């Protein structure tokens, strides 16, 4: 029983310490990243050298009223 406590207790403490370290390091890095590279929402711009898409086709003509189709 003593061997289990001697091996597992330092491993548990190391895992907790590693978890807290990764948490705080990631939080600091994320906060720094927000200031240097703000996230922009919206439609992405096309790559340089590409042309705009062609205009949409003209709308279809309307059907005449049904009493004229007789």
C-alpha atoms as a PDB file:
ATOM      1  CA  UNK A   1       0.000   0.000   0.000  1.00  0.00           C
ATOM      2  CA  UNK A   2       2.869   2.355   0.784  1.00  0.00           C
ATOM      3  CA  UNK A   3       4.342   1.826  -2.696  1.00  0.00           C
ATOM      4  CA  UNK A   4       1.061   2.863  -4.332  1.00  0.00           C
ATOM      5  CA  UNK A   5       0.953   6.104  -2.324  1.00  0.00           C
ATOM      6  CA  UNK A   6       4.624   6.862  -3.006  1.00  0.00           C
ATOM      7  CA  UNK A   7       4.199   6.432  -6.770  1.00  0.00           C
ATOM      8  CA  UNK A   8       0.685   7.743  -7.337  1.00  0.00           C
ATOM      9  CA  UNK A   9       0.750  10.822  -5.083  1.00  0.00           C
ATOM     10  CA  UNK A  10       3.651  12.526  -6.897  1.00  0.00           C
ATOM     11  CA  UNK A  11       2.080  11.568 -10.241  1.00  0.00           C
ATOM     12  CA  UNK A  12      -1.238  13.097  -9.215  1.00  0.00           C
ATOM     13  CA  UNK A  13       0.462  16.284  -7.998  1.00  0.00           C
ATOM     14  CA  UNK A  14       2.519  16.488 -11.204  1.00  0.00           C
ATOM     15  CA  UNK A  15      -0.619  16.111 -13.347  1.00  0.00           C
ATOM     16  CA  UNK A  16      -2.410  18.817 -11.377  1.00  0.00           C
ATOM     17  CA  UNK A  17       0.577  21.135 -11.657  1.00  0.00           C
ATOM     18  CA  UNK A  18       0.867  20.449 -15.396  1.00  0.00           C
ATOM     19  CA  UNK A  19      -2.854  21.091 -15.862  1.00  0.00           C
ATOM     20  CA  UNK A  20      -2.737  24.429 -14.053  1.00  0.00           C
ATOM     21  CA  UNK A  21       0.375  25.431 -15.991  1.00  0.00           C
ATOM     22  CA  UNK A  22      -1.223  24.650 -19.351  1.00  0.00           C
ATOM     23  CA  UNK A  23      -4.406  26.444 -18.339  1.00  0.00           C
ATOM     24  CA  UNK A  24      -2.676  29.662 -17.303  1.00  0.00           C
ATOM     25  CA  UNK A  25      -0.219  29.580 -20.212  1.00  0.00           C
ATOM     26  CA  UNK A  26      -3.046  29.106 -22.700  1.00  0.00           C
ATOM     27  CA  UNK A  27      -5.126  31.846 -21.119  1.00  0.00           C
ATOM     28  CA  UNK A  28      -2.244  34.317 -21.285  1.00  0.00           C
ATOM     29  CA  UNK A  29      -1.466  33.339 -24.867  1.00  0.00           C
ATOM     30  CA  UNK A  30      -5.122  33.682 -25.881  1.00  0.00           C
ATOM     31  CA  UNK A  31      -5.398  37.119 -24.321  1.00  0.00           C
ATOM     32  CA  UNK A  32      -2.240  38.225 -26.119  1.00  0.00           C
ATOM     33  CA  UNK A  33      -3.551  36.801 -29.384  1.00  0.00           C
ATOM     34  CA  UNK A  34      -6.783  38.793 -29.121  1.00  0.00           C
ATOM     35  CA  UNK A  35      -4.861  42.060 -29.022  1.00  0.00           C
ATOM     36  CA  UNK A  36      -2.476  41.231 -31.861  1.00  0.00           C
ATOM     37  CA  UNK A  37      -4.848  39.392 -34.252  1.00  0.00           C
ATOM     38  CA  UNK A  38      -8.465  40.438 -33.804  1.00  0.00           C
ATOM     39  CA  UNK A  39     -10.979  38.034 -35.291  1.00  0.00           C
ATOM     40  CA  UNK A  40     -13.005  39.552 -38.096  1.00  0.00           C
ATOM     41  CA  UNK A  41     -16.456  38.227 -38.883  1.00  0.00           C
ATOM     42  CA  UNK A  42     -17.944  38.526 -42.332  1.00  0.00           C
ATOM     43  CA  UNK A  43     -17.547  37.371 -45.902  1.00  0.00           C
ATOM     44  CA  UNK A  44     -13.930  36.616 -46.775  1.00  0.00           C
ATOM     45  CA  UNK A  45     -12.369  38.706 -49.498  1.00  0.00           C
ATOM     46  CA  UNK A  46     -11.475  36.947 -52.749  1.00  0.00           C
ATOM     47  CA  UNK A  47      -7.826  36.236 -53.457  1.00  0.00           C
ATOM     48  CA  UNK A  48      -5.938  38.862 -55.445  1.00  0.00           C
ATOM     49  CA  UNK A  49      -6.070  38.447 -59.208  1.00  0.00           C
ATOM     50  CA  UNK A  50      -9.546  36.936 -59.314  1.00  0.00           C
ATOM     51  CA  UNK A  51     -12.399  38.604 -61.087  1.00  0.00           C
ATOM     52  CA  UNK A  52     -15.909  39.222 -59.873  1.00  0.00           C
ATOM     53  CA  UNK A  53     -18.519  36.643 -60.809  1.00  0.00           C
ATOM     54  CA  UNK A  54     -20.652  37.355 -63.883  1.00  0.00           C
ATOM     55  CA  UNK A  55     -23.960  39.126 -63.301  1.00  0.00           C
ATOM     56  CA  UNK A  56     -26.985  36.917 -62.604  1.00  0.00           C
ATOM     57  CA  UNK A  57     -29.212  35.985 -65.564  1.00  0.00           C
ATOM     58  CA  UNK A  58     -32.188  38.232 -66.295  1.00  0.00           C
ATOM     59  CA  UNK A  59     -35.420  37.281 -64.555  1.00  0.00           C
ATOM     60  CA  UNK A  60     -37.812  34.994 -66.413  1.00  0.00           C
ATOM     61  CA  UNK A  61     -40.754  36.602 -68.158  1.00  0.00           C
ATOM     62  CA  UNK A  62     -44.083  36.442 -66.398  1.00  0.00           C
ATOM     63  CA  UNK A  63     -46.739  34.095 -67.627  1.00  0.00           C
ATOM     64  CA  UNK A  64     -49.880  35.760 -68.999  1.00  0.00           C
ATOM     65  CA  UNK A  65     -53.050  35.397 -66.954  1.00  0.00           C
ATOM     66  CA  UNK A  66     -54.706  31.969 -67.184  1.00  0.00           C
ATOM     67  CA  UNK A  67     -57.811  33.298 -69.042  1.00  0.00           C
ATOM     68  CA  UNK A  68     -55.592  34.202 -72.029  1.00  0.00           C
ATOM     69  CA  UNK A  69     -54.120  30.684 -72.221  1.00  0.00           C
ATOM     70  CA  UNK A  70     -57.409  29.173 -73.433  1.00  0.00           C
END
